[in-house]
Amino acid sequence: MVDSRRRLLLTLAGTLGVLAADSHLFGLQLPRPAREPRPYPEGHEKGPPSPDDPGIQNKRVIDPQSQKQIREDIARIYEMASELKEEVERTNANSTLSVTLVKKAQQIEKLAKQIKELARG
């Protein structure tokens, strides 16, 4: 019985010694050196494109026709949405929506997706 107590005390002392040494050794670790920035293959830093860069073209300069088309489509959406709103206000709120209302809403959604694609380029 005395022998088992000694083993238990030695095990506990050894475990506490390892834990104490580990916390002290952890504080003695050397800091990591700062990493040097690597140059880019083309030799220039990546950043926001400058307007003077000949490789970057401005979308507004590239395609003014798309801008005009987007403005026309937005005007059409506004008209279609106004018509849809008027039709919804005229219908009975307790009844189900008519097929024409649903189709008009789908047309508006389709046109909105076309505008989104034109805006992306």
PDB file of N, CA and C in Angstrom:
ATOM      1  N   MET A   1       0.830  -1.189   0.000  1.00  0.00           N
ATOM      2  CA  MET A   1       0.000   0.000   0.000  1.00  0.00           C
ATOM      3  C   MET A   1       0.873   1.251   0.000  1.00  0.00           C
ATOM      4  N   VAL A   2       1.950   1.236   0.719  1.00  0.00           N
ATOM      5  CA  VAL A   2       2.860   2.361   0.758  1.00  0.00           C
ATOM      6  C   VAL A   2       3.494   2.518  -0.622  1.00  0.00           C
ATOM      7  N   ASP A   3       3.760   1.396  -1.255  1.00  0.00           N
ATOM      8  CA  ASP A   3       4.371   1.414  -2.581  1.00  0.00           C
ATOM      9  C   ASP A   3       3.434   2.054  -3.619  1.00  0.00           C
ATOM     10  N   SER A   4       2.146   1.765  -3.538  1.00  0.00           N
ATOM     11  CA  SER A   4       1.200   2.343  -4.502  1.00  0.00           C
ATOM     12  C   SER A   4       1.031   3.841  -4.275  1.00  0.00           C
ATOM     13  N   ARG A   5       1.139   4.282  -3.009  1.00  0.00           N
ATOM     14  CA  ARG A   5       1.048   5.710  -2.726  1.00  0.00           C
ATOM     15  C   ARG A   5       2.255   6.447  -3.297  1.00  0.00           C
ATOM     16  N   ARG A   6       3.437   5.831  -3.165  1.00  0.00           N
ATOM     17  CA  ARG A   6       4.643   6.439  -3.707  1.00  0.00           C
ATOM     18  C   ARG A   6       4.543   6.591  -5.219  1.00  0.00           C
ATOM     19  N   ARG A   7       4.072   5.532  -5.861  1.00  0.00           N
ATOM     20  CA  ARG A   7       3.915   5.594  -7.332  1.00  0.00           C
ATOM     21  C   ARG A   7       2.940   6.703  -7.726  1.00  0.00           C
ATOM     22  N   LEU A   8       1.859   6.799  -6.988  1.00  0.00           N
ATOM     23  CA  LEU A   8       0.871   7.842  -7.279  1.00  0.00           C
ATOM     24  C   LEU A   8       1.470   9.222  -7.097  1.00  0.00           C
ATOM     25  N   LEU A   9       2.215   9.418  -6.001  1.00  0.00           N
ATOM     26  CA  LEU A   9       2.819  10.719  -5.739  1.00  0.00           C
ATOM     27  C   LEU A   9       3.904  11.040  -6.769  1.00  0.00           C
ATOM     28  N   LEU A  10       4.703  10.052  -7.142  1.00  0.00           N
ATOM     29  CA  LEU A  10       5.729  10.271  -8.153  1.00  0.00           C
ATOM     30  C   LEU A  10       5.103  10.598  -9.517  1.00  0.00           C
ATOM     31  N   THR A  11       4.029   9.922  -9.856  1.00  0.00           N
ATOM     32  CA  THR A  11       3.336  10.189 -11.119  1.00  0.00           C
ATOM     33  C   THR A  11       2.760  11.595 -11.136  1.00  0.00           C
ATOM     34  N   LEU A  12       2.124  11.976 -10.032  1.00  0.00           N
ATOM     35  CA  LEU A  12       1.559  13.321  -9.945  1.00  0.00           C
ATOM     36  C   LEU A  12       2.649  14.384  -9.985  1.00  0.00           C
ATOM     37  N   ALA A  13       3.762  14.145  -9.292  1.00  0.00           N
ATOM     38  CA  ALA A  13       4.859  15.113  -9.284  1.00  0.00           C
ATOM     39  C   ALA A  13       5.475  15.229 -10.677  1.00  0.00           C
ATOM     40  N   GLY A  14       5.643  14.106 -11.337  1.00  0.00           N
ATOM     41  CA  GLY A  14       6.196  14.135 -12.695  1.00  0.00           C
ATOM     42  C   GLY A  14       5.289  14.871 -13.663  1.00  0.00           C
ATOM     43  N   THR A  15       3.974  14.637 -13.564  1.00  0.00           N
ATOM     44  CA  THR A  15       3.011  15.306 -14.434  1.00  0.00           C
ATOM     45  C   THR A  15       3.014  16.803 -14.182  1.00  0.00           C
ATOM     46  N   LEU A  16       3.020  17.199 -12.914  1.00  0.00           N
ATOM     47  CA  LEU A  16       3.050  18.623 -12.594  1.00  0.00           C
ATOM     48  C   LEU A  16       4.353  19.262 -13.060  1.00  0.00           C
ATOM     49  N   GLY A  17       5.472  18.526 -12.938  1.00  0.00           N
ATOM     50  CA  GLY A  17       6.749  19.047 -13.416  1.00  0.00           C
ATOM     51  C   GLY A  17       6.747  19.275 -14.911  1.00  0.00           C
ATOM     52  N   VAL A  18       6.172  18.333 -15.666  1.00  0.00           N
ATOM     53  CA  VAL A  18       6.100  18.480 -17.121  1.00  0.00           C
ATOM     54  C   VAL A  18       5.212  19.663 -17.485  1.00  0.00           C
ATOM     55  N   LEU A  19       4.077  19.800 -16.827  1.00  0.00           N
ATOM     56  CA  LEU A  19       3.178  20.910 -17.122  1.00  0.00           C
ATOM     57  C   LEU A  19       3.823  22.254 -16.782  1.00  0.00           C
ATOM     58  N   ALA A  20       4.535  22.320 -15.663  1.00  0.00           N
ATOM     59  CA  ALA A  20       5.190  23.573 -15.281  1.00  0.00           C
ATOM     60  C   ALA A  20       6.304  23.911 -16.259  1.00  0.00           C
ATOM     61  N   ALA A  21       7.086  22.913 -16.659  1.00  0.00           N
ATOM     62  CA  ALA A  21       8.185  23.160 -17.594  1.00  0.00           C
ATOM     63  C   ALA A  21       7.645  23.571 -18.963  1.00  0.00           C
ATOM     64  N   ASP A  22       6.540  22.978 -19.345  1.00  0.00           N
ATOM     65  CA  ASP A  22       5.958  23.297 -20.657  1.00  0.00           C
ATOM     66  C   ASP A  22       5.510  24.755 -20.712  1.00  0.00           C
ATOM     67  N   SER A  23       4.898  25.250 -19.655  1.00  0.00           N
ATOM     68  CA  SER A  23       4.443  26.645 -19.671  1.00  0.00           C
ATOM     69  C   SER A  23       5.628  27.602 -19.696  1.00  0.00           C
ATOM     70  N   HIS A  24       6.733  27.248 -19.010  1.00  0.00           N
ATOM     71  CA  HIS A  24       7.922  28.103 -19.027  1.00  0.00           C
ATOM     72  C   HIS A  24       8.620  28.051 -20.381  1.00  0.00           C
ATOM     73  N   LEU A  25       8.695  26.873 -20.965  1.00  0.00           N
ATOM     74  CA  LEU A  25       9.345  26.730 -22.265  1.00  0.00           C
ATOM     75  C   LEU A  25       8.537  27.421 -23.366  1.00  0.00           C
ATOM     76  N   PHE A  26       7.231  27.415 -23.214  1.00  0.00           N
ATOM     77  CA  PHE A  26       6.382  28.061 -24.215  1.00  0.00           C
ATOM     78  C   PHE A  26       6.673  29.560 -24.282  1.00  0.00           C
ATOM     79  N   GLY A  27       6.947  30.171 -23.132  1.00  0.00           N
ATOM     80  CA  GLY A  27       7.245  31.599 -23.088  1.00  0.00           C
ATOM     81  C   GLY A  27       8.613  31.931 -23.653  1.00  0.00           C
ATOM     82  N   LEU A  28       9.494  30.951 -23.765  1.00  0.00           N
ATOM     83  CA  LEU A  28      10.839  31.196 -24.261  1.00  0.00           C
ATOM     84  C   LEU A  28      10.983  31.024 -25.764  1.00  0.00           C
ATOM     85  N   GLN A  29       9.917  30.697 -26.454  1.00  0.00           N
ATOM     86  CA  GLN A  29      10.012  30.501 -27.894  1.00  0.00           C
ATOM     87  C   GLN A  29      10.364  31.812 -28.583  1.00  0.00           C
ATOM     88  N   LEU A  30      11.178  31.705 -29.612  1.00  0.00           N
ATOM     89  CA  LEU A  30      11.572  32.886 -30.373  1.00  0.00           C
ATOM     90  C   LEU A  30      10.449  33.326 -31.298  1.00  0.00           C
ATOM     91  N   PRO A  31      10.292  34.629 -31.481  1.00  0.00           N
ATOM     92  CA  PRO A  31       9.239  35.083 -32.400  1.00  0.00           C
ATOM     93  C   PRO A  31       9.600  34.734 -33.831  1.00  0.00           C
ATOM     94  N   ARG A  32       8.588  34.518 -34.618  1.00  0.00           N
ATOM     95  CA  ARG A  32       8.793  34.213 -36.036  1.00  0.00           C
ATOM     96  C   ARG A  32       9.259  35.463 -36.773  1.00  0.00           C
ATOM     97  N   PRO A  33      10.194  35.286 -37.683  1.00  0.00           N
ATOM     98  CA  PRO A  33      10.605  36.455 -38.465  1.00  0.00           C
ATOM     99  C   PRO A  33       9.493  36.845 -39.451  1.00  0.00           C
ATOM    100  N   ALA A  34       9.417  38.124 -39.707  1.00  0.00           N
ATOM    101  CA  ALA A  34       8.397  38.616 -40.639  1.00  0.00           C
ATOM    102  C   ALA A  34       8.738  38.122 -42.039  1.00  0.00           C
ATOM    103  N   ARG A  35       7.698  37.725 -42.778  1.00  0.00           N
ATOM    104  CA  ARG A  35       7.914  37.235 -44.136  1.00  0.00           C
ATOM    105  C   ARG A  35       8.136  38.398 -45.084  1.00  0.00           C
ATOM    106  N   GLU A  36       9.070  38.216 -45.947  1.00  0.00           N
ATOM    107  CA  GLU A  36       9.345  39.223 -46.972  1.00  0.00           C
ATOM    108  C   GLU A  36       8.280  39.120 -48.056  1.00  0.00           C
ATOM    109  N   PRO A  37       7.757  40.239 -48.534  1.00  0.00           N
ATOM    110  CA  PRO A  37       6.790  40.150 -49.628  1.00  0.00           C
ATOM    111  C   PRO A  37       7.469  39.660 -50.893  1.00  0.00           C
ATOM    112  N   ARG A  38       6.784  38.761 -51.579  1.00  0.00           N
ATOM    113  CA  ARG A  38       7.330  38.211 -52.811  1.00  0.00           C
ATOM    114  C   ARG A  38       6.934  39.105 -53.981  1.00  0.00           C
ATOM    115  N   PRO A  39       7.843  39.326 -54.895  1.00  0.00           N
ATOM    116  CA  PRO A  39       7.484  40.143 -56.065  1.00  0.00           C
ATOM    117  C   PRO A  39       6.576  39.349 -57.001  1.00  0.00           C
ATOM    118  N   TYR A  40       5.722  40.052 -57.688  1.00  0.00           N
ATOM    119  CA  TYR A  40       4.834  39.427 -58.654  1.00  0.00           C
ATOM    120  C   TYR A  40       5.629  39.080 -59.905  1.00  0.00           C
ATOM    121  N   PRO A  41       5.176  38.057 -60.651  1.00  0.00           N
ATOM    122  CA  PRO A  41       5.918  37.639 -61.843  1.00  0.00           C
ATOM    123  C   PRO A  41       6.097  38.748 -62.879  1.00  0.00           C
ATOM    124  N   GLU A  42       5.105  39.590 -63.053  1.00  0.00           N
ATOM    125  CA  GLU A  42       5.226  40.663 -64.034  1.00  0.00           C
ATOM    126  C   GLU A  42       6.064  41.818 -63.519  1.00  0.00           C
ATOM    127  N   GLY A  43       6.376  41.804 -62.235  1.00  0.00           N
ATOM    128  CA  GLY A  43       7.220  42.840 -61.678  1.00  0.00           C
ATOM    129  C   GLY A  43       6.460  44.040 -61.140  1.00  0.00           C
ATOM    130  N   HIS A  44       5.148  43.982 -61.058  1.00  0.00           N
ATOM    131  CA  HIS A  44       4.402  45.112 -60.499  1.00  0.00           C
ATOM    132  C   HIS A  44       3.453  44.601 -59.427  1.00  0.00           C
ATOM    133  N   GLU A  45       3.168  45.457 -58.502  1.00  0.00           N
ATOM    134  CA  GLU A  45       2.290  45.116 -57.402  1.00  0.00           C
ATOM    135  C   GLU A  45       0.843  45.096 -57.873  1.00  0.00           C
ATOM    136  N   LYS A  46       0.092  44.139 -57.338  1.00  0.00           N
ATOM    137  CA  LYS A  46      -1.333  44.110 -57.642  1.00  0.00           C
ATOM    138  C   LYS A  46      -2.020  45.135 -56.770  1.00  0.00           C
ATOM    139  N   GLY A  47      -2.899  45.856 -57.338  1.00  0.00           N
ATOM    140  CA  GLY A  47      -3.656  46.858 -56.608  1.00  0.00           C
ATOM    141  C   GLY A  47      -4.839  47.249 -57.469  1.00  0.00           C
ATOM    142  N   PRO A  48      -5.549  48.268 -57.085  1.00  0.00           N
ATOM    143  CA  PRO A  48      -6.662  48.687 -57.919  1.00  0.00           C
ATOM    144  C   PRO A  48      -6.142  49.170 -59.274  1.00  0.00           C
ATOM    145  N   PRO A  49      -6.849  48.831 -60.345  1.00  0.00           N
ATOM    146  CA  PRO A  49      -6.379  49.250 -61.666  1.00  0.00           C
ATOM    147  C   PRO A  49      -6.432  50.764 -61.809  1.00  0.00           C
ATOM    148  N   SER A  50      -5.399  51.299 -62.401  1.00  0.00           N
ATOM    149  CA  SER A  50      -5.374  52.740 -62.614  1.00  0.00           C
ATOM    150  C   SER A  50      -6.027  53.066 -63.953  1.00  0.00           C
ATOM    151  N   PRO A  51      -6.660  54.217 -64.066  1.00  0.00           N
ATOM    152  CA  PRO A  51      -7.308  54.568 -65.328  1.00  0.00           C
ATOM    153  C   PRO A  51      -6.308  54.770 -66.461  1.00  0.00           C
ATOM    154  N   ASP A  52      -5.037  54.990 -66.114  1.00  0.00           N
ATOM    155  CA  ASP A  52      -4.027  55.215 -67.144  1.00  0.00           C
ATOM    156  C   ASP A  52      -3.481  53.908 -67.712  1.00  0.00           C
ATOM    157  N   ASP A  53      -3.792  52.776 -67.091  1.00  0.00           N
ATOM    158  CA  ASP A  53      -3.276  51.488 -67.538  1.00  0.00           C
ATOM    159  C   ASP A  53      -3.908  51.133 -68.883  1.00  0.00           C
ATOM    160  N   PRO A  54      -3.103  50.914 -69.929  1.00  0.00           N
ATOM    161  CA  PRO A  54      -3.683  50.628 -71.238  1.00  0.00           C
ATOM    162  C   PRO A  54      -4.336  49.258 -71.311  1.00  0.00           C
ATOM    163  N   GLY A  55      -3.969  48.333 -70.414  1.00  0.00           N
ATOM    164  CA  GLY A  55      -4.568  47.003 -70.446  1.00  0.00           C
ATOM    165  C   GLY A  55      -5.982  46.984 -69.892  1.00  0.00           C
ATOM    166  N   ILE A  56      -6.322  47.949 -69.081  1.00  0.00           N
ATOM    167  CA  ILE A  56      -7.645  48.029 -68.484  1.00  0.00           C
ATOM    168  C   ILE A  56      -8.471  49.037 -69.266  1.00  0.00           C
ATOM    169  N   GLN A  57      -9.627  48.557 -69.728  1.00  0.00           N
ATOM    170  CA  GLN A  57     -10.495  49.453 -70.485  1.00  0.00           C
ATOM    171  C   GLN A  57     -11.705  49.807 -69.645  1.00  0.00           C
ATOM    172  N   ASN A  58     -12.154  51.007 -69.787  1.00  0.00           N
ATOM    173  CA  ASN A  58     -13.300  51.491 -69.046  1.00  0.00           C
ATOM    174  C   ASN A  58     -14.566  51.001 -69.738  1.00  0.00           C
ATOM    175  N   LYS A  59     -15.485  50.397 -68.977  1.00  0.00           N
ATOM    176  CA  LYS A  59     -16.708  49.839 -69.573  1.00  0.00           C
ATOM    177  C   LYS A  59     -17.566  50.930 -70.224  1.00  0.00           C
ATOM    178  N   ARG A  60     -17.633  52.081 -69.616  1.00  0.00           N
ATOM    179  CA  ARG A  60     -18.477  53.142 -70.175  1.00  0.00           C
ATOM    180  C   ARG A  60     -17.955  53.606 -71.524  1.00  0.00           C
ATOM    181  N   VAL A  61     -16.667  53.592 -71.679  1.00  0.00           N
ATOM    182  CA  VAL A  61     -16.075  53.985 -72.953  1.00  0.00           C
ATOM    183  C   VAL A  61     -16.232  52.865 -73.972  1.00  0.00           C
ATOM    184  N   ILE A  62     -16.165  51.640 -73.515  1.00  0.00           N
ATOM    185  CA  ILE A  62     -16.232  50.499 -74.421  1.00  0.00           C
ATOM    186  C   ILE A  62     -17.598  50.389 -75.087  1.00  0.00           C
ATOM    187  N   ASP A  63     -18.658  50.418 -74.276  1.00  0.00           N
ATOM    188  CA  ASP A  63     -19.966  50.114 -74.840  1.00  0.00           C
ATOM    189  C   ASP A  63     -21.043  51.105 -74.387  1.00  0.00           C
ATOM    190  N   PRO A  64     -21.113  52.260 -75.018  1.00  0.00           N
ATOM    191  CA  PRO A  64     -22.190  53.193 -74.656  1.00  0.00           C
ATOM    192  C   PRO A  64     -23.555  52.684 -75.112  1.00  0.00           C
ATOM    193  N   GLN A  65     -23.572  51.783 -76.094  1.00  0.00           N
ATOM    194  CA  GLN A  65     -24.841  51.215 -76.571  1.00  0.00           C
ATOM    195  C   GLN A  65     -25.499  50.400 -75.455  1.00  0.00           C
ATOM    196  N   SER A  66     -24.688  49.691 -74.666  1.00  0.00           N
ATOM    197  CA  SER A  66     -25.239  48.923 -73.549  1.00  0.00           C
ATOM    198  C   SER A  66     -25.845  49.854 -72.507  1.00  0.00           C
ATOM    199  N   GLN A  67     -25.176  50.971 -72.257  1.00  0.00           N
ATOM    200  CA  GLN A  67     -25.715  51.939 -71.305  1.00  0.00           C
ATOM    201  C   GLN A  67     -27.069  52.462 -71.766  1.00  0.00           C
ATOM    202  N   LYS A  68     -27.174  52.743 -73.041  1.00  0.00           N
ATOM    203  CA  LYS A  68     -28.439  53.237 -73.589  1.00  0.00           C
ATOM    204  C   LYS A  68     -29.517  52.161 -73.484  1.00  0.00           C
ATOM    205  N   GLN A  69     -29.141  50.898 -73.769  1.00  0.00           N
ATOM    206  CA  GLN A  69     -30.091  49.796 -73.687  1.00  0.00           C
ATOM    207  C   GLN A  69     -30.565  49.588 -72.256  1.00  0.00           C
ATOM    208  N   ILE A  70     -29.661  49.724 -71.313  1.00  0.00           N
ATOM    209  CA  ILE A  70     -30.025  49.559 -69.900  1.00  0.00           C
ATOM    210  C   ILE A  70     -31.023  50.631 -69.483  1.00  0.00           C
ATOM    211  N   ARG A  71     -30.782  51.870 -69.904  1.00  0.00           N
ATOM    212  CA  ARG A  71     -31.710  52.955 -69.550  1.00  0.00           C
ATOM    213  C   ARG A  71     -33.095  52.719 -70.150  1.00  0.00           C
ATOM    214  N   GLU A  72     -33.143  52.261 -71.402  1.00  0.00           N
ATOM    215  CA  GLU A  72     -34.435  51.983 -72.040  1.00  0.00           C
ATOM    216  C   GLU A  72     -35.154  50.839 -71.335  1.00  0.00           C
ATOM    217  N   ASP A  73     -34.406  49.786 -70.970  1.00  0.00           N
ATOM    218  CA  ASP A  73     -35.015  48.644 -70.299  1.00  0.00           C
ATOM    219  C   ASP A  73     -35.531  49.020 -68.915  1.00  0.00           C
ATOM    220  N   ILE A  74     -34.803  49.887 -68.233  1.00  0.00           N
ATOM    221  CA  ILE A  74     -35.263  50.325 -66.902  1.00  0.00           C
ATOM    222  C   ILE A  74     -36.549  51.132 -67.029  1.00  0.00           C
ATOM    223  N   ALA A  75     -36.642  51.947 -68.056  1.00  0.00           N
ATOM    224  CA  ALA A  75     -37.878  52.696 -68.276  1.00  0.00           C
ATOM    225  C   ALA A  75     -39.033  51.739 -68.556  1.00  0.00           C
ATOM    226  N   ARG A  76     -38.761  50.669 -69.335  1.00  0.00           N
ATOM    227  CA  ARG A  76     -39.805  49.678 -69.622  1.00  0.00           C
ATOM    228  C   ARG A  76     -40.217  48.945 -68.362  1.00  0.00           C
ATOM    229  N   ILE A  77     -39.257  48.613 -67.514  1.00  0.00           N
ATOM    230  CA  ILE A  77     -39.604  47.941 -66.250  1.00  0.00           C
ATOM    231  C   ILE A  77     -40.476  48.840 -65.393  1.00  0.00           C
ATOM    232  N   TYR A  78     -40.152  50.124 -65.345  1.00  0.00           N
ATOM    233  CA  TYR A  78     -40.928  51.056 -64.542  1.00  0.00           C
ATOM    234  C   TYR A  78     -42.373  51.112 -65.042  1.00  0.00           C
ATOM    235  N   GLU A  79     -42.534  51.167 -66.352  1.00  0.00           N
ATOM    236  CA  GLU A  79     -43.889  51.192 -66.921  1.00  0.00           C
ATOM    237  C   GLU A  79     -44.637  49.897 -66.600  1.00  0.00           C
ATOM    238  N   MET A  80     -43.970  48.756 -66.790  1.00  0.00           N
ATOM    239  CA  MET A  80     -44.619  47.469 -66.549  1.00  0.00           C
ATOM    240  C   MET A  80     -44.980  47.306 -65.073  1.00  0.00           C
ATOM    241  N   ALA A  81     -44.103  47.749 -64.187  1.00  0.00           N
ATOM    242  CA  ALA A  81     -44.374  47.637 -62.750  1.00  0.00           C
ATOM    243  C   ALA A  81     -45.531  48.544 -62.342  1.00  0.00           C
ATOM    244  N   SER A  82     -45.608  49.724 -62.958  1.00  0.00           N
ATOM    245  CA  SER A  82     -46.730  50.625 -62.654  1.00  0.00           C
ATOM    246  C   SER A  82     -48.045  50.015 -63.109  1.00  0.00           C
ATOM    247  N   GLU A  83     -48.044  49.421 -64.306  1.00  0.00           N
ATOM    248  CA  GLU A  83     -49.259  48.760 -64.806  1.00  0.00           C
ATOM    249  C   GLU A  83     -49.652  47.595 -63.907  1.00  0.00           C
ATOM    250  N   LEU A  84     -48.677  46.816 -63.492  1.00  0.00           N
ATOM    251  CA  LEU A  84     -48.952  45.676 -62.617  1.00  0.00           C
ATOM    252  C   LEU A  84     -49.529  46.148 -61.293  1.00  0.00           C
ATOM    253  N   LYS A  85     -48.993  47.228 -60.758  1.00  0.00           N
ATOM    254  CA  LYS A  85     -49.483  47.763 -59.487  1.00  0.00           C
ATOM    255  C   LYS A  85     -50.930  48.209 -59.619  1.00  0.00           C
ATOM    256  N   GLU A  86     -51.245  48.877 -60.723  1.00  0.00           N
ATOM    257  CA  GLU A  86     -52.623  49.333 -60.936  1.00  0.00           C
ATOM    258  C   GLU A  86     -53.573  48.147 -61.051  1.00  0.00           C
ATOM    259  N   GLU A  87     -53.151  47.100 -61.760  1.00  0.00           N
ATOM    260  CA  GLU A  87     -54.014  45.928 -61.914  1.00  0.00           C
ATOM    261  C   GLU A  87     -54.226  45.216 -60.578  1.00  0.00           C
ATOM    262  N   VAL A  88     -53.191  45.147 -59.762  1.00  0.00           N
ATOM    263  CA  VAL A  88     -53.321  44.507 -58.455  1.00  0.00           C
ATOM    264  C   VAL A  88     -54.256  45.311 -57.571  1.00  0.00           C
ATOM    265  N   GLU A  89     -54.185  46.642 -57.643  1.00  0.00           N
ATOM    266  CA  GLU A  89     -55.071  47.476 -56.831  1.00  0.00           C
ATOM    267  C   GLU A  89     -56.524  47.348 -57.274  1.00  0.00           C
ATOM    268  N   ARG A  90     -56.752  47.090 -58.573  1.00  0.00           N
ATOM    269  CA  ARG A  90     -58.122  46.942 -59.080  1.00  0.00           C
ATOM    270  C   ARG A  90     -58.736  45.598 -58.731  1.00  0.00           C
ATOM    271  N   THR A  91     -57.916  44.564 -58.541  1.00  0.00           N
ATOM    272  CA  THR A  91     -58.456  43.235 -58.265  1.00  0.00           C
ATOM    273  C   THR A  91     -58.847  43.117 -56.811  1.00  0.00           C
ATOM    274  N   ASN A  92     -59.686  42.135 -56.539  1.00  0.00           N
ATOM    275  CA  ASN A  92     -60.150  41.869 -55.190  1.00  0.00           C
ATOM    276  C   ASN A  92     -59.010  41.221 -54.403  1.00  0.00           C
ATOM    277  N   ALA A  93     -58.719  41.722 -53.219  1.00  0.00           N
ATOM    278  CA  ALA A  93     -57.601  41.224 -52.420  1.00  0.00           C
ATOM    279  C   ALA A  93     -57.851  39.807 -51.907  1.00  0.00           C
ATOM    280  N   ASN A  94     -59.123  39.416 -51.787  1.00  0.00           N
ATOM    281  CA  ASN A  94     -59.449  38.086 -51.265  1.00  0.00           C
ATOM    282  C   ASN A  94     -59.385  37.019 -52.346  1.00  0.00           C
ATOM    283  N   SER A  95     -59.443  37.420 -53.596  1.00  0.00           N
ATOM    284  CA  SER A  95     -59.407  36.429 -54.671  1.00  0.00           C
ATOM    285  C   SER A  95     -57.968  36.093 -55.033  1.00  0.00           C
ATOM    286  N   THR A  96     -57.803  35.028 -55.790  1.00  0.00           N
ATOM    287  CA  THR A  96     -56.456  34.643 -56.223  1.00  0.00           C
ATOM    288  C   THR A  96     -56.015  35.542 -57.368  1.00  0.00           C
ATOM    289  N   LEU A  97     -54.716  35.629 -57.567  1.00  0.00           N
ATOM    290  CA  LEU A  97     -54.177  36.450 -58.644  1.00  0.00           C
ATOM    291  C   LEU A  97     -54.478  35.798 -59.986  1.00  0.00           C
ATOM    292  N   SER A  98     -54.756  36.614 -60.981  1.00  0.00           N
ATOM    293  CA  SER A  98     -55.059  36.071 -62.296  1.00  0.00           C
ATOM    294  C   SER A  98     -53.772  35.652 -62.997  1.00  0.00           C
ATOM    295  N   VAL A  99     -53.915  34.866 -64.044  1.00  0.00           N
ATOM    296  CA  VAL A  99     -52.771  34.376 -64.795  1.00  0.00           C
ATOM    297  C   VAL A  99     -52.052  35.539 -65.483  1.00  0.00           C
ATOM    298  N   THR A 100     -52.798  36.543 -65.914  1.00  0.00           N
ATOM    299  CA  THR A 100     -52.162  37.678 -66.583  1.00  0.00           C
ATOM    300  C   THR A 100     -51.254  38.446 -65.629  1.00  0.00           C
ATOM    301  N   LEU A 101     -51.656  38.569 -64.359  1.00  0.00           N
ATOM    302  CA  LEU A 101     -50.814  39.249 -63.382  1.00  0.00           C
ATOM    303  C   LEU A 101     -49.512  38.482 -63.152  1.00  0.00           C
ATOM    304  N   VAL A 102     -49.635  37.168 -63.053  1.00  0.00           N
ATOM    305  CA  VAL A 102     -48.446  36.343 -62.826  1.00  0.00           C
ATOM    306  C   VAL A 102     -47.517  36.415 -64.030  1.00  0.00           C
ATOM    307  N   LYS A 103     -48.090  36.367 -65.250  1.00  0.00           N
ATOM    308  CA  LYS A 103     -47.264  36.448 -66.459  1.00  0.00           C
ATOM    309  C   LYS A 103     -46.565  37.795 -66.563  1.00  0.00           C
ATOM    310  N   LYS A 104     -47.265  38.860 -66.197  1.00  0.00           N
ATOM    311  CA  LYS A 104     -46.650  40.186 -66.258  1.00  0.00           C
ATOM    312  C   LYS A 104     -45.507  40.290 -65.248  1.00  0.00           C
ATOM    313  N   ALA A 105     -45.688  39.703 -64.075  1.00  0.00           N
ATOM    314  CA  ALA A 105     -44.615  39.704 -63.074  1.00  0.00           C
ATOM    315  C   ALA A 105     -43.412  38.899 -63.575  1.00  0.00           C
ATOM    316  N   GLN A 106     -43.671  37.811 -64.282  1.00  0.00           N
ATOM    317  CA  GLN A 106     -42.577  37.018 -64.848  1.00  0.00           C
ATOM    318  C   GLN A 106     -41.841  37.788 -65.942  1.00  0.00           C
ATOM    319  N   GLN A 107     -42.573  38.553 -66.735  1.00  0.00           N
ATOM    320  CA  GLN A 107     -41.928  39.371 -67.771  1.00  0.00           C
ATOM    321  C   GLN A 107     -41.025  40.433 -67.140  1.00  0.00           C
ATOM    322  N   ILE A 108     -41.503  41.034 -66.065  1.00  0.00           N
ATOM    323  CA  ILE A 108     -40.695  42.039 -65.353  1.00  0.00           C
ATOM    324  C   ILE A 108     -39.423  41.388 -64.811  1.00  0.00           C
ATOM    325  N   GLU A 109     -39.571  40.206 -64.247  1.00  0.00           N
ATOM    326  CA  GLU A 109     -38.409  39.499 -63.713  1.00  0.00           C
ATOM    327  C   GLU A 109     -37.408  39.147 -64.819  1.00  0.00           C
ATOM    328  N   LYS A 110     -37.910  38.705 -65.951  1.00  0.00           N
ATOM    329  CA  LYS A 110     -37.039  38.358 -67.080  1.00  0.00           C
ATOM    330  C   LYS A 110     -36.284  39.588 -67.581  1.00  0.00           C
ATOM    331  N   LEU A 111     -36.966  40.708 -67.682  1.00  0.00           N
ATOM    332  CA  LEU A 111     -36.327  41.942 -68.129  1.00  0.00           C
ATOM    333  C   LEU A 111     -35.287  42.414 -67.116  1.00  0.00           C
ATOM    334  N   ALA A 112     -35.578  42.240 -65.832  1.00  0.00           N
ATOM    335  CA  ALA A 112     -34.612  42.624 -64.795  1.00  0.00           C
ATOM    336  C   ALA A 112     -33.348  41.778 -64.902  1.00  0.00           C
ATOM    337  N   LYS A 113     -33.484  40.502 -65.202  1.00  0.00           N
ATOM    338  CA  LYS A 113     -32.313  39.642 -65.373  1.00  0.00           C
ATOM    339  C   LYS A 113     -31.501  40.057 -66.598  1.00  0.00           C
ATOM    340  N   GLN A 114     -32.188  40.480 -67.670  1.00  0.00           N
ATOM    341  CA  GLN A 114     -31.471  40.949 -68.864  1.00  0.00           C
ATOM    342  C   GLN A 114     -30.669  42.211 -68.544  1.00  0.00           C
ATOM    343  N   ILE A 115     -31.261  43.100 -67.774  1.00  0.00           N
ATOM    344  CA  ILE A 115     -30.555  44.328 -67.377  1.00  0.00           C
ATOM    345  C   ILE A 115     -29.339  43.976 -66.531  1.00  0.00           C
ATOM    346  N   LYS A 116     -29.504  43.017 -65.649  1.00  0.00           N
ATOM    347  CA  LYS A 116     -28.393  42.586 -64.792  1.00  0.00           C
ATOM    348  C   LYS A 116     -27.241  42.046 -65.639  1.00  0.00           C
ATOM    349  N   GLU A 117     -27.545  41.255 -66.653  1.00  0.00           N
ATOM    350  CA  GLU A 117     -26.510  40.705 -67.528  1.00  0.00           C
ATOM    351  C   GLU A 117     -25.833  41.806 -68.352  1.00  0.00           C
ATOM    352  N   LEU A 118     -26.615  42.779 -68.817  1.00  0.00           N
ATOM    353  CA  LEU A 118     -26.030  43.892 -69.563  1.00  0.00           C
ATOM    354  C   LEU A 118     -25.101  44.716 -68.668  1.00  0.00           C
ATOM    355  N   ALA A 119     -25.503  44.886 -67.421  1.00  0.00           N
ATOM    356  CA  ALA A 119     -24.678  45.684 -66.501  1.00  0.00           C
ATOM    357  C   ALA A 119     -23.373  44.976 -66.164  1.00  0.00           C
ATOM    358  N   ARG A 120     -23.376  43.663 -66.141  1.00  0.00           N
ATOM    359  CA  ARG A 120     -22.151  42.914 -65.876  1.00  0.00           C
ATOM    360  C   ARG A 120     -21.189  42.994 -67.048  1.00  0.00           C
ATOM    361  N   GLY A 121     -21.711  43.128 -68.225  1.00  0.00           N
ATOM    362  CA  GLY A 121     -20.833  43.274 -69.374  1.00  0.00           C
ATOM    363  C   GLY A 121     -20.723  42.081 -70.174  1.00  0.00           C
TER     364      GLY A 121
END
